[in-house]
Amino acid sequence: MKKAIATLLLTTLVILGFSLDLSSALKSALLKAPDYELAKLNLEKAELDYRKGTIEATNRKMELSAEQTYYTGVQSYRNSLKSIYSDLLNRIFNLLSSKISLEIAQINLENARENLETYKTLRAKGLVSDKELKEAEISLREAENNLVTAQRNSEKAERDYRELFDVPVEQITFNLPDPAKVVTKEEYLENFVSIKIAEIRLKVAEYDKETLPANASDYERKAAELNYKSASLDYENTKKTAEDSVNDALVNLNLLYRNVLIAQDKLNLYEEDFRNTQEKYRKGLISKKEYNSQRVSLLNARKSYYEALKSYYTSVINLLVDSGKDVTF
């Protein structure tokens, strides 16, 4: 019922022409993703098994075993969640990119047609060779094929997007979360599941060592001691790996954020240049070819901007999910 109400509200907003921020668009699409339903069911089963395990446990080791199974389920859920969000981001940015590629292909076809007509005129006057004319004809055929490919890619990207998203992609707004506020190192490490699992394994090994019967053999005592040392080393290595991982991830997050700002500044410059180009073309000061060249430069700058956005949002979401935080920005 709540899902239906949320979908109805979103549809109403879209009809009225309201924009939707990226995190809201992702959350709405998430509810329609089949893999998300499966991930939720598996997590619910893990929670159910944990409650059952703690009730049936007759000693501390059985309690720890139930807890380890639960966190393994949480880890699987988070991995699934990252994969699903990655797919959702791909659907958004593949569509935006394919629309740009289609527009560029249309411009290139227009240029190829005009170029061929020019070469035909020049060939009639004996100013270019047959080879040069043939090359212009081949360029036109390549441009036609590229347009067909771009159209097919754009149509597929549109279908993939519409499968899970209700809002037109042009109405999604991209608000940049401050990298310093996404997650702290302490939050990440406190909620990183691999550390919790390694810690439980250490507690199990400690329990096994401390609960050995008085008549345990030397072999059993030595084995228990070795298992404890191994679990202890594994725990410390897991913490170290997690610390290195989050340090690298936070550094990378800041780099990706700066990449977005750079791409955005470049895009702004190209947009300003294109406005000037439009005015020059309107006044007849430049050719159609020069006008189209500037259009393509602008479109490529926009595509680079979207690529930078996708990389940044992917990093943000992965950090949030690994930290057990809500994907909201």
C-alpha atoms as a PDB file:
ATOM      1  CA  MET A   1       0.000   0.000   0.000  1.00  0.00           C
ATOM      2  CA  LYS A   2       2.792   2.427   0.932  1.00  0.00           C
ATOM      3  CA  LYS A   3       4.626   1.511  -2.282  1.00  0.00           C
ATOM      4  CA  ALA A   4       1.498   2.263  -4.347  1.00  0.00           C
ATOM      5  CA  ILE A   5       0.970   5.616  -2.612  1.00  0.00           C
ATOM      6  CA  ALA A   6       4.619   6.589  -3.160  1.00  0.00           C
ATOM      7  CA  THR A   7       4.375   5.670  -6.853  1.00  0.00           C
ATOM      8  CA  LEU A   8       1.119   7.642  -7.239  1.00  0.00           C
ATOM      9  CA  LEU A   9       2.669  10.693  -5.568  1.00  0.00           C
ATOM     10  CA  LEU A  10       5.747  10.502  -7.785  1.00  0.00           C
ATOM     11  CA  THR A  11       3.611  10.166 -10.926  1.00  0.00           C
ATOM     12  CA  THR A  12       1.572  13.213  -9.892  1.00  0.00           C
ATOM     13  CA  LEU A  13       4.718  15.275  -9.381  1.00  0.00           C
ATOM     14  CA  VAL A  14       6.034  14.216 -12.792  1.00  0.00           C
ATOM     15  CA  ILE A  15       2.779  15.166 -14.512  1.00  0.00           C
ATOM     16  CA  LEU A  16       2.904  18.560 -12.851  1.00  0.00           C
ATOM     17  CA  GLY A  17       6.441  19.025 -14.164  1.00  0.00           C
ATOM     18  CA  PHE A  18       8.277  18.986 -10.853  1.00  0.00           C
ATOM     19  CA  SER A  19      11.932  17.996 -10.779  1.00  0.00           C
ATOM     20  CA  LEU A  20      13.175  15.166  -8.609  1.00  0.00           C
ATOM     21  CA  ASP A  21      16.550  14.914  -6.885  1.00  0.00           C
ATOM     22  CA  LEU A  22      18.701  11.915  -7.721  1.00  0.00           C
ATOM     23  CA  SER A  23      18.460  10.138  -4.368  1.00  0.00           C
ATOM     24  CA  SER A  24      14.631  10.317  -4.465  1.00  0.00           C
ATOM     25  CA  ALA A  25      14.581   9.014  -8.034  1.00  0.00           C
ATOM     26  CA  LEU A  26      16.869   6.147  -7.037  1.00  0.00           C
ATOM     27  CA  LYS A  27      14.757   5.207  -4.029  1.00  0.00           C
ATOM     28  CA  SER A  28      11.611   5.125  -6.141  1.00  0.00           C
ATOM     29  CA  ALA A  29      13.269   2.946  -8.789  1.00  0.00           C
ATOM     30  CA  LEU A  30      14.749   0.708  -6.085  1.00  0.00           C
ATOM     31  CA  LEU A  31      11.253  -0.343  -5.036  1.00  0.00           C
ATOM     32  CA  LYS A  32      10.599  -1.627  -8.563  1.00  0.00           C
ATOM     33  CA  ALA A  33      13.864  -3.546  -8.900  1.00  0.00           C
ATOM     34  CA  PRO A  34      13.266  -7.328  -8.673  1.00  0.00           C
ATOM     35  CA  ASP A  35      16.742  -7.941  -7.248  1.00  0.00           C
ATOM     36  CA  TYR A  36      15.948  -5.565  -4.387  1.00  0.00           C
ATOM     37  CA  GLU A  37      12.900  -7.594  -3.383  1.00  0.00           C
ATOM     38  CA  LEU A  38      15.045 -10.731  -3.332  1.00  0.00           C
ATOM     39  CA  ALA A  39      17.772  -9.003  -1.309  1.00  0.00           C
ATOM     40  CA  LYS A  40      15.205  -7.830   1.255  1.00  0.00           C
ATOM     41  CA  LEU A  41      13.748 -11.332   1.565  1.00  0.00           C
ATOM     42  CA  ASN A  42      17.206 -12.828   2.112  1.00  0.00           C
ATOM     43  CA  LEU A  43      17.966 -10.219   4.783  1.00  0.00           C
ATOM     44  CA  GLU A  44      14.635 -10.891   6.470  1.00  0.00           C
ATOM     45  CA  LYS A  45      15.461 -14.621   6.473  1.00  0.00           C
ATOM     46  CA  ALA A  46      18.875 -13.862   8.015  1.00  0.00           C
ATOM     47  CA  GLU A  47      17.185 -11.828  10.765  1.00  0.00           C
ATOM     48  CA  LEU A  48      14.678 -14.624  11.363  1.00  0.00           C
ATOM     49  CA  ASP A  49      17.428 -17.243  11.564  1.00  0.00           C
ATOM     50  CA  TYR A  50      19.347 -15.023  13.990  1.00  0.00           C
ATOM     51  CA  ARG A  51      16.385 -14.709  16.354  1.00  0.00           C
ATOM     52  CA  LYS A  52      15.769 -18.450  16.159  1.00  0.00           C
ATOM     53  CA  GLY A  53      19.455 -19.191  16.734  1.00  0.00           C
ATOM     54  CA  THR A  54      19.697 -16.988  19.830  1.00  0.00           C
ATOM     55  CA  ILE A  55      16.564 -18.551  21.313  1.00  0.00           C
ATOM     56  CA  GLU A  56      17.790 -22.099  20.717  1.00  0.00           C
ATOM     57  CA  ALA A  57      21.394 -21.392  21.786  1.00  0.00           C
ATOM     58  CA  THR A  58      22.509 -23.320  24.823  1.00  0.00           C
ATOM     59  CA  ASN A  59      25.954 -21.753  25.098  1.00  0.00           C
ATOM     60  CA  ARG A  60      27.915 -18.677  24.068  1.00  0.00           C
ATOM     61  CA  LYS A  61      29.406 -20.367  20.992  1.00  0.00           C
ATOM     62  CA  MET A  62      25.969 -21.081  19.539  1.00  0.00           C
ATOM     63  CA  GLU A  63      24.984 -17.447  20.139  1.00  0.00           C
ATOM     64  CA  LEU A  64      28.116 -16.280  18.342  1.00  0.00           C
ATOM     65  CA  SER A  65      27.439 -18.673  15.468  1.00  0.00           C
ATOM     66  CA  ALA A  66      23.935 -17.205  15.042  1.00  0.00           C
ATOM     67  CA  GLU A  67      25.394 -13.702  15.134  1.00  0.00           C
ATOM     68  CA  GLN A  68      28.014 -14.575  12.509  1.00  0.00           C
ATOM     69  CA  THR A  69      25.365 -16.027  10.207  1.00  0.00           C
ATOM     70  CA  TYR A  70      23.327 -12.850  10.595  1.00  0.00           C
ATOM     71  CA  TYR A  71      26.216 -10.546   9.692  1.00  0.00           C
ATOM     72  CA  THR A  72      27.060 -12.724   6.726  1.00  0.00           C
ATOM     73  CA  GLY A  73      23.486 -12.088   5.576  1.00  0.00           C
ATOM     74  CA  VAL A  74      23.919  -8.356   6.132  1.00  0.00           C
ATOM     75  CA  GLN A  75      27.116  -8.415   4.096  1.00  0.00           C
ATOM     76  CA  SER A  76      25.335 -10.195   1.243  1.00  0.00           C
ATOM     77  CA  TYR A  77      22.489  -7.666   1.405  1.00  0.00           C
ATOM     78  CA  ARG A  78      24.849  -4.710   1.239  1.00  0.00           C
ATOM     79  CA  ASN A  79      26.725  -6.204  -1.703  1.00  0.00           C
ATOM     80  CA  SER A  80      23.417  -6.725  -3.499  1.00  0.00           C
ATOM     81  CA  LEU A  81      22.375  -3.170  -2.682  1.00  0.00           C
ATOM     82  CA  LYS A  82      25.573  -1.731  -4.170  1.00  0.00           C
ATOM     83  CA  SER A  83      25.090  -3.800  -7.302  1.00  0.00           C
ATOM     84  CA  ILE A  84      21.472  -2.650  -7.670  1.00  0.00           C
ATOM     85  CA  TYR A  85      22.362   1.018  -7.172  1.00  0.00           C
ATOM     86  CA  SER A  86      25.150   0.632  -9.728  1.00  0.00           C
ATOM     87  CA  ASP A  87      22.614  -0.713 -12.212  1.00  0.00           C
ATOM     88  CA  LEU A  88      20.237   2.173 -11.506  1.00  0.00           C
ATOM     89  CA  LEU A  89      22.987   4.743 -12.031  1.00  0.00           C
ATOM     90  CA  ASN A  90      23.953   3.016 -15.272  1.00  0.00           C
ATOM     91  CA  ARG A  91      20.366   3.265 -16.509  1.00  0.00           C
ATOM     92  CA  ILE A  92      20.272   7.002 -15.811  1.00  0.00           C
ATOM     93  CA  PHE A  93      23.640   7.957 -17.214  1.00  0.00           C
ATOM     94  CA  ASN A  94      23.529   5.518 -20.135  1.00  0.00           C
ATOM     95  CA  LEU A  95      20.346   7.223 -21.270  1.00  0.00           C
ATOM     96  CA  LEU A  96      21.792  10.710 -20.882  1.00  0.00           C
ATOM     97  CA  SER A  97      24.960   9.660 -22.709  1.00  0.00           C
ATOM     98  CA  SER A  98      23.082   7.869 -25.478  1.00  0.00           C
ATOM     99  CA  LYS A  99      20.952  10.943 -26.126  1.00  0.00           C
ATOM    100  CA  ILE A 100      24.119  12.984 -26.562  1.00  0.00           C
ATOM    101  CA  SER A 101      25.690  10.356 -28.807  1.00  0.00           C
ATOM    102  CA  LEU A 102      22.553  10.359 -30.944  1.00  0.00           C
ATOM    103  CA  GLU A 103      22.649  14.133 -31.320  1.00  0.00           C
ATOM    104  CA  ILE A 104      26.337  14.014 -32.253  1.00  0.00           C
ATOM    105  CA  ALA A 105      25.623  11.282 -34.823  1.00  0.00           C
ATOM    106  CA  GLN A 106      22.891  13.447 -36.351  1.00  0.00           C
ATOM    107  CA  ILE A 107      25.280  16.387 -36.593  1.00  0.00           C
ATOM    108  CA  ASN A 108      27.992  14.224 -38.126  1.00  0.00           C
ATOM    109  CA  LEU A 109      25.530  12.931 -40.719  1.00  0.00           C
ATOM    110  CA  GLU A 110      24.508  16.475 -41.577  1.00  0.00           C
ATOM    111  CA  ASN A 111      28.164  17.429 -41.961  1.00  0.00           C
ATOM    112  CA  ALA A 112      28.881  14.364 -44.107  1.00  0.00           C
ATOM    113  CA  ARG A 113      25.993  15.161 -46.444  1.00  0.00           C
ATOM    114  CA  GLU A 114      27.067  18.749 -46.871  1.00  0.00           C
ATOM    115  CA  ASN A 115      30.668  17.650 -47.319  1.00  0.00           C
ATOM    116  CA  LEU A 116      29.689  15.225 -50.089  1.00  0.00           C
ATOM    117  CA  GLU A 117      27.707  17.904 -51.928  1.00  0.00           C
ATOM    118  CA  THR A 118      30.706  20.205 -51.713  1.00  0.00           C
ATOM    119  CA  TYR A 119      33.008  17.508 -53.127  1.00  0.00           C
ATOM    120  CA  LYS A 120      30.574  16.774 -55.948  1.00  0.00           C
ATOM    121  CA  THR A 121      30.662  20.455 -56.942  1.00  0.00           C
ATOM    122  CA  LEU A 122      34.444  20.565 -56.688  1.00  0.00           C
ATOM    123  CA  ARG A 123      34.797  17.351 -58.698  1.00  0.00           C
ATOM    124  CA  ALA A 124      32.633  18.783 -61.463  1.00  0.00           C
ATOM    125  CA  LYS A 125      35.070  21.674 -61.650  1.00  0.00           C
ATOM    126  CA  GLY A 126      38.064  19.325 -61.600  1.00  0.00           C
ATOM    127  CA  LEU A 127      39.289  20.638 -58.247  1.00  0.00           C
ATOM    128  CA  VAL A 128      39.299  17.286 -56.399  1.00  0.00           C
ATOM    129  CA  SER A 129      40.116  13.727 -57.479  1.00  0.00           C
ATOM    130  CA  ASP A 130      37.788  10.746 -57.834  1.00  0.00           C
ATOM    131  CA  LYS A 131      39.489   9.242 -54.825  1.00  0.00           C
ATOM    132  CA  GLU A 132      38.631  12.254 -52.658  1.00  0.00           C
ATOM    133  CA  LEU A 133      35.027  12.146 -53.837  1.00  0.00           C
ATOM    134  CA  LYS A 134      34.847   8.433 -53.086  1.00  0.00           C
ATOM    135  CA  GLU A 135      36.215   9.059 -49.587  1.00  0.00           C
ATOM    136  CA  ALA A 136      33.450  11.622 -49.001  1.00  0.00           C
ATOM    137  CA  GLU A 137      30.859   9.066 -50.129  1.00  0.00           C
ATOM    138  CA  ILE A 138      32.296   6.458 -47.763  1.00  0.00           C
ATOM    139  CA  SER A 139      32.263   9.001 -44.915  1.00  0.00           C
ATOM    140  CA  LEU A 140      28.564   9.577 -45.558  1.00  0.00           C
ATOM    141  CA  ARG A 141      27.819   5.858 -45.448  1.00  0.00           C
ATOM    142  CA  GLU A 142      29.759   5.551 -42.173  1.00  0.00           C
ATOM    143  CA  ALA A 143      27.840   8.480 -40.722  1.00  0.00           C
ATOM    144  CA  GLU A 144      24.537   6.847 -41.733  1.00  0.00           C
ATOM    145  CA  ASN A 145      25.537   3.593 -40.052  1.00  0.00           C
ATOM    146  CA  ASN A 146      26.707   5.417 -36.942  1.00  0.00           C
ATOM    147  CA  LEU A 147      23.360   7.167 -36.723  1.00  0.00           C
ATOM    148  CA  VAL A 148      21.486   3.857 -36.933  1.00  0.00           C
ATOM    149  CA  THR A 149      23.681   2.442 -34.158  1.00  0.00           C
ATOM    150  CA  ALA A 150      23.193   5.556 -32.017  1.00  0.00           C
ATOM    151  CA  GLN A 151      19.416   5.373 -32.514  1.00  0.00           C
ATOM    152  CA  ARG A 152      19.317   1.730 -31.474  1.00  0.00           C
ATOM    153  CA  ASN A 153      21.490   2.396 -28.423  1.00  0.00           C
ATOM    154  CA  SER A 154      19.329   5.342 -27.424  1.00  0.00           C
ATOM    155  CA  GLU A 155      16.120   3.336 -27.800  1.00  0.00           C
ATOM    156  CA  LYS A 156      17.522   0.484 -25.698  1.00  0.00           C
ATOM    157  CA  ALA A 157      18.767   2.900 -23.034  1.00  0.00           C
ATOM    158  CA  GLU A 158      15.293   4.494 -22.977  1.00  0.00           C
ATOM    159  CA  ARG A 159      13.615   1.096 -22.527  1.00  0.00           C
ATOM    160  CA  ASP A 160      16.020   0.095 -19.766  1.00  0.00           C
ATOM    161  CA  TYR A 161      15.452   3.383 -17.997  1.00  0.00           C
ATOM    162  CA  ARG A 162      11.657   3.293 -18.298  1.00  0.00           C
ATOM    163  CA  GLU A 163      11.598  -0.204 -16.856  1.00  0.00           C
ATOM    164  CA  LEU A 164      12.347   1.143 -13.375  1.00  0.00           C
ATOM    165  CA  PHE A 165      12.055   4.949 -13.476  1.00  0.00           C
ATOM    166  CA  ASP A 166       8.826   6.941 -13.751  1.00  0.00           C
ATOM    167  CA  VAL A 167      10.266  10.455 -13.927  1.00  0.00           C
ATOM    168  CA  PRO A 168      11.682  11.700 -17.273  1.00  0.00           C
ATOM    169  CA  VAL A 169      15.467  11.643 -17.020  1.00  0.00           C
ATOM    170  CA  GLU A 170      15.613  15.360 -17.885  1.00  0.00           C
ATOM    171  CA  GLN A 171      13.718  16.130 -14.667  1.00  0.00           C
ATOM    172  CA  ILE A 172      16.268  14.498 -12.374  1.00  0.00           C
ATOM    173  CA  THR A 173      18.418  17.045 -10.572  1.00  0.00           C
ATOM    174  CA  PHE A 174      21.976  16.316  -9.479  1.00  0.00           C
ATOM    175  CA  ASN A 175      22.788  17.843  -6.113  1.00  0.00           C
ATOM    176  CA  LEU A 176      26.409  17.243  -5.137  1.00  0.00           C
ATOM    177  CA  PRO A 177      26.817  15.964  -1.584  1.00  0.00           C
ATOM    178  CA  ASP A 178      29.754  17.444   0.293  1.00  0.00           C
ATOM    179  CA  PRO A 179      32.426  14.693   0.392  1.00  0.00           C
ATOM    180  CA  ALA A 180      33.342  15.704   3.941  1.00  0.00           C
ATOM    181  CA  LYS A 181      29.777  14.932   5.089  1.00  0.00           C
ATOM    182  CA  VAL A 182      29.173  11.627   3.308  1.00  0.00           C
ATOM    183  CA  VAL A 183      30.754   9.395   5.963  1.00  0.00           C
ATOM    184  CA  THR A 184      33.582   9.596   8.461  1.00  0.00           C
ATOM    185  CA  LYS A 185      36.318   7.020   8.808  1.00  0.00           C
ATOM    186  CA  GLU A 186      35.019   6.160  12.278  1.00  0.00           C
ATOM    187  CA  GLU A 187      31.460   5.582  11.025  1.00  0.00           C
ATOM    188  CA  TYR A 188      32.722   3.358   8.243  1.00  0.00           C
ATOM    189  CA  LEU A 189      34.895   1.172  10.474  1.00  0.00           C
ATOM    190  CA  GLU A 190      32.275   0.927  13.220  1.00  0.00           C
ATOM    191  CA  ASN A 191      29.699  -0.477  10.801  1.00  0.00           C
ATOM    192  CA  PHE A 192      31.933  -2.409   8.392  1.00  0.00           C
ATOM    193  CA  VAL A 193      30.556  -5.955   8.403  1.00  0.00           C
ATOM    194  CA  SER A 194      33.799  -7.782   7.615  1.00  0.00           C
ATOM    195  CA  ILE A 195      35.315  -6.445  10.853  1.00  0.00           C
ATOM    196  CA  LYS A 196      32.308  -7.661  12.852  1.00  0.00           C
ATOM    197  CA  ILE A 197      32.527 -11.128  11.301  1.00  0.00           C
ATOM    198  CA  ALA A 198      36.274 -11.355  11.995  1.00  0.00           C
ATOM    199  CA  GLU A 199      35.668 -10.230  15.573  1.00  0.00           C
ATOM    200  CA  ILE A 200      33.046 -12.938  16.074  1.00  0.00           C
ATOM    201  CA  ARG A 201      35.431 -15.561  14.716  1.00  0.00           C
ATOM    202  CA  LEU A 202      38.007 -14.401  17.231  1.00  0.00           C
ATOM    203  CA  LYS A 203      35.477 -14.681  20.057  1.00  0.00           C
ATOM    204  CA  VAL A 204      34.572 -18.208  18.918  1.00  0.00           C
ATOM    205  CA  ALA A 205      38.248 -19.204  18.874  1.00  0.00           C
ATOM    206  CA  GLU A 206      38.705 -17.691  22.325  1.00  0.00           C
ATOM    207  CA  TYR A 207      35.654 -19.561  23.599  1.00  0.00           C
ATOM    208  CA  ASP A 208      36.971 -22.846  22.194  1.00  0.00           C
ATOM    209  CA  LYS A 209      40.346 -22.282  23.857  1.00  0.00           C
ATOM    210  CA  GLU A 210      38.918 -21.351  27.241  1.00  0.00           C
ATOM    211  CA  THR A 211      36.319 -24.132  27.393  1.00  0.00           C
ATOM    212  CA  LEU A 212      38.616 -27.047  26.668  1.00  0.00           C
ATOM    213  CA  PRO A 213      37.932 -29.920  29.045  1.00  0.00           C
ATOM    214  CA  ALA A 214      40.481 -30.575  31.753  1.00  0.00           C
ATOM    215  CA  ASN A 215      41.433 -33.858  30.128  1.00  0.00           C
ATOM    216  CA  ALA A 216      42.016 -32.345  26.668  1.00  0.00           C
ATOM    217  CA  SER A 217      44.995 -33.766  24.825  1.00  0.00           C
ATOM    218  CA  ASP A 218      48.114 -31.768  24.040  1.00  0.00           C
ATOM    219  CA  TYR A 219      47.078 -31.824  20.402  1.00  0.00           C
ATOM    220  CA  GLU A 220      43.657 -30.338  21.201  1.00  0.00           C
ATOM    221  CA  ARG A 221      45.199 -27.624  23.352  1.00  0.00           C
ATOM    222  CA  LYS A 222      47.793 -26.766  20.717  1.00  0.00           C
ATOM    223  CA  ALA A 223      45.162 -26.732  17.963  1.00  0.00           C
ATOM    224  CA  ALA A 224      42.899 -24.442  19.986  1.00  0.00           C
ATOM    225  CA  GLU A 225      45.816 -22.082  20.661  1.00  0.00           C
ATOM    226  CA  LEU A 226      46.777 -21.999  16.982  1.00  0.00           C
ATOM    227  CA  ASN A 227      43.175 -21.354  15.944  1.00  0.00           C
ATOM    228  CA  TYR A 228      42.988 -18.481  18.404  1.00  0.00           C
ATOM    229  CA  LYS A 229      46.225 -16.931  17.141  1.00  0.00           C
ATOM    230  CA  SER A 230      45.069 -17.337  13.545  1.00  0.00           C
ATOM    231  CA  ALA A 231      41.711 -15.705  14.302  1.00  0.00           C
ATOM    232  CA  SER A 232      43.486 -12.903  16.163  1.00  0.00           C
ATOM    233  CA  LEU A 233      45.784 -12.228  13.205  1.00  0.00           C
ATOM    234  CA  ASP A 234      42.837 -12.387  10.816  1.00  0.00           C
ATOM    235  CA  TYR A 235      40.942  -9.856  12.941  1.00  0.00           C
ATOM    236  CA  GLU A 236      43.867  -7.427  13.005  1.00  0.00           C
ATOM    237  CA  ASN A 237      44.470  -7.860   9.252  1.00  0.00           C
ATOM    238  CA  THR A 238      40.792  -7.302   8.524  1.00  0.00           C
ATOM    239  CA  LYS A 239      40.815  -4.071  10.527  1.00  0.00           C
ATOM    240  CA  LYS A 240      44.003  -2.919   8.783  1.00  0.00           C
ATOM    241  CA  THR A 241      42.587  -3.741   5.346  1.00  0.00           C
ATOM    242  CA  ALA A 242      39.368  -1.907   6.179  1.00  0.00           C
ATOM    243  CA  GLU A 243      41.286   1.143   7.411  1.00  0.00           C
ATOM    244  CA  ASP A 244      43.398   1.204   4.249  1.00  0.00           C
ATOM    245  CA  SER A 245      40.275   0.720   2.143  1.00  0.00           C
ATOM    246  CA  VAL A 246      38.330   3.573   3.723  1.00  0.00           C
ATOM    247  CA  ASN A 247      41.353   5.882   3.621  1.00  0.00           C
ATOM    248  CA  ASP A 248      41.750   5.220  -0.103  1.00  0.00           C
ATOM    249  CA  ALA A 249      38.004   5.531  -0.674  1.00  0.00           C
ATOM    250  CA  LEU A 250      37.803   8.900   1.091  1.00  0.00           C
ATOM    251  CA  VAL A 251      40.807  10.247  -0.827  1.00  0.00           C
ATOM    252  CA  ASN A 252      39.285   8.986  -4.069  1.00  0.00           C
ATOM    253  CA  LEU A 253      35.942  10.528  -3.135  1.00  0.00           C
ATOM    254  CA  ASN A 254      37.519  13.955  -2.855  1.00  0.00           C
ATOM    255  CA  LEU A 255      39.338  13.502  -6.179  1.00  0.00           C
ATOM    256  CA  LEU A 256      36.110  12.481  -7.898  1.00  0.00           C
ATOM    257  CA  TYR A 257      34.342  15.465  -6.364  1.00  0.00           C
ATOM    258  CA  ARG A 258      36.981  17.818  -7.752  1.00  0.00           C
ATOM    259  CA  ASN A 259      36.679  16.077 -11.119  1.00  0.00           C
ATOM    260  CA  VAL A 260      32.972  16.918 -11.149  1.00  0.00           C
ATOM    261  CA  LEU A 261      33.680  20.571 -10.336  1.00  0.00           C
ATOM    262  CA  ILE A 262      36.290  20.746 -13.105  1.00  0.00           C
ATOM    263  CA  ALA A 263      33.948  19.096 -15.609  1.00  0.00           C
ATOM    264  CA  GLN A 264      31.193  21.480 -14.550  1.00  0.00           C
ATOM    265  CA  ASP A 265      33.417  24.528 -15.043  1.00  0.00           C
ATOM    266  CA  LYS A 266      34.467  23.250 -18.462  1.00  0.00           C
ATOM    267  CA  LEU A 267      30.847  22.701 -19.396  1.00  0.00           C
ATOM    268  CA  ASN A 268      29.972  26.240 -18.351  1.00  0.00           C
ATOM    269  CA  LEU A 269      32.756  27.588 -20.577  1.00  0.00           C
ATOM    270  CA  TYR A 270      31.579  25.532 -23.553  1.00  0.00           C
ATOM    271  CA  GLU A 271      28.005  26.704 -22.988  1.00  0.00           C
ATOM    272  CA  GLU A 272      29.169  30.315 -22.970  1.00  0.00           C
ATOM    273  CA  ASP A 273      31.229  29.730 -26.129  1.00  0.00           C
ATOM    274  CA  PHE A 274      28.246  28.124 -27.821  1.00  0.00           C
ATOM    275  CA  ARG A 275      26.002  31.071 -27.021  1.00  0.00           C
ATOM    276  CA  ASN A 276      28.562  33.306 -28.728  1.00  0.00           C
ATOM    277  CA  THR A 277      28.736  30.863 -31.640  1.00  0.00           C
ATOM    278  CA  GLN A 278      24.965  30.926 -32.012  1.00  0.00           C
ATOM    279  CA  GLU A 279      25.022  34.705 -32.225  1.00  0.00           C
ATOM    280  CA  LYS A 280      27.813  34.660 -34.824  1.00  0.00           C
ATOM    281  CA  TYR A 281      25.976  32.048 -36.884  1.00  0.00           C
ATOM    282  CA  ARG A 282      22.750  34.043 -36.709  1.00  0.00           C
ATOM    283  CA  LYS A 283      24.593  37.057 -38.067  1.00  0.00           C
ATOM    284  CA  GLY A 284      26.193  34.971 -40.827  1.00  0.00           C
ATOM    285  CA  LEU A 285      29.722  35.445 -39.498  1.00  0.00           C
ATOM    286  CA  ILE A 286      30.579  31.730 -39.387  1.00  0.00           C
ATOM    287  CA  SER A 287      29.708  28.670 -41.477  1.00  0.00           C
ATOM    288  CA  LYS A 288      27.313  25.877 -40.572  1.00  0.00           C
ATOM    289  CA  LYS A 289      30.318  23.562 -40.265  1.00  0.00           C
ATOM    290  CA  GLU A 290      31.928  25.822 -37.656  1.00  0.00           C
ATOM    291  CA  TYR A 291      28.597  26.078 -35.839  1.00  0.00           C
ATOM    292  CA  ASN A 292      28.206  22.296 -35.768  1.00  0.00           C
ATOM    293  CA  SER A 293      31.776  21.842 -34.585  1.00  0.00           C
ATOM    294  CA  GLN A 294      31.052  23.994 -31.553  1.00  0.00           C
ATOM    295  CA  ARG A 295      27.827  22.065 -30.912  1.00  0.00           C
ATOM    296  CA  VAL A 296      29.761  18.794 -30.862  1.00  0.00           C
ATOM    297  CA  SER A 297      32.344  20.257 -28.476  1.00  0.00           C
ATOM    298  CA  LEU A 298      29.559  21.334 -26.140  1.00  0.00           C
ATOM    299  CA  LEU A 299      27.892  17.931 -26.289  1.00  0.00           C
ATOM    300  CA  ASN A 300      31.158  16.127 -25.549  1.00  0.00           C
ATOM    301  CA  ALA A 301      31.738  18.423 -22.571  1.00  0.00           C
ATOM    302  CA  ARG A 302      28.262  17.560 -21.313  1.00  0.00           C
ATOM    303  CA  LYS A 303      28.983  13.849 -21.722  1.00  0.00           C
ATOM    304  CA  SER A 304      32.241  14.219 -19.746  1.00  0.00           C
ATOM    305  CA  TYR A 305      30.303  16.000 -17.011  1.00  0.00           C
ATOM    306  CA  TYR A 306      27.809  13.139 -16.766  1.00  0.00           C
ATOM    307  CA  GLU A 307      30.644  10.604 -16.623  1.00  0.00           C
ATOM    308  CA  ALA A 308      32.224  12.522 -13.739  1.00  0.00           C
ATOM    309  CA  LEU A 309      28.873  12.669 -11.942  1.00  0.00           C
ATOM    310  CA  LYS A 310      28.317   8.930 -12.325  1.00  0.00           C
ATOM    311  CA  SER A 311      31.750   8.092 -10.905  1.00  0.00           C
ATOM    312  CA  TYR A 312      31.234  10.408  -7.934  1.00  0.00           C
ATOM    313  CA  TYR A 313      27.744   9.143  -7.094  1.00  0.00           C
ATOM    314  CA  THR A 314      28.936   5.533  -7.356  1.00  0.00           C
ATOM    315  CA  SER A 315      31.656   6.236  -4.805  1.00  0.00           C
ATOM    316  CA  VAL A 316      29.244   8.076  -2.507  1.00  0.00           C
ATOM    317  CA  ILE A 317      26.673   5.275  -2.579  1.00  0.00           C
ATOM    318  CA  ASN A 318      29.225   2.529  -1.969  1.00  0.00           C
ATOM    319  CA  LEU A 319      30.550   4.356   1.084  1.00  0.00           C
ATOM    320  CA  LEU A 320      27.044   4.945   2.447  1.00  0.00           C
ATOM    321  CA  VAL A 321      25.987   1.324   1.962  1.00  0.00           C
ATOM    322  CA  ASP A 322      29.196  -0.092   3.466  1.00  0.00           C
ATOM    323  CA  SER A 323      28.634   2.171   6.476  1.00  0.00           C
ATOM    324  CA  GLY A 324      25.044   1.011   6.899  1.00  0.00           C
ATOM    325  CA  LYS A 325      23.743   4.525   6.246  1.00  0.00           C
ATOM    326  CA  ASP A 326      20.687   5.559   4.264  1.00  0.00           C
ATOM    327  CA  VAL A 327      21.389   6.476   0.636  1.00  0.00           C
ATOM    328  CA  THR A 328      20.254  10.090   0.831  1.00  0.00           C
ATOM    329  CA  PHE A 329      22.083  13.145  -0.440  1.00  0.00           C
END
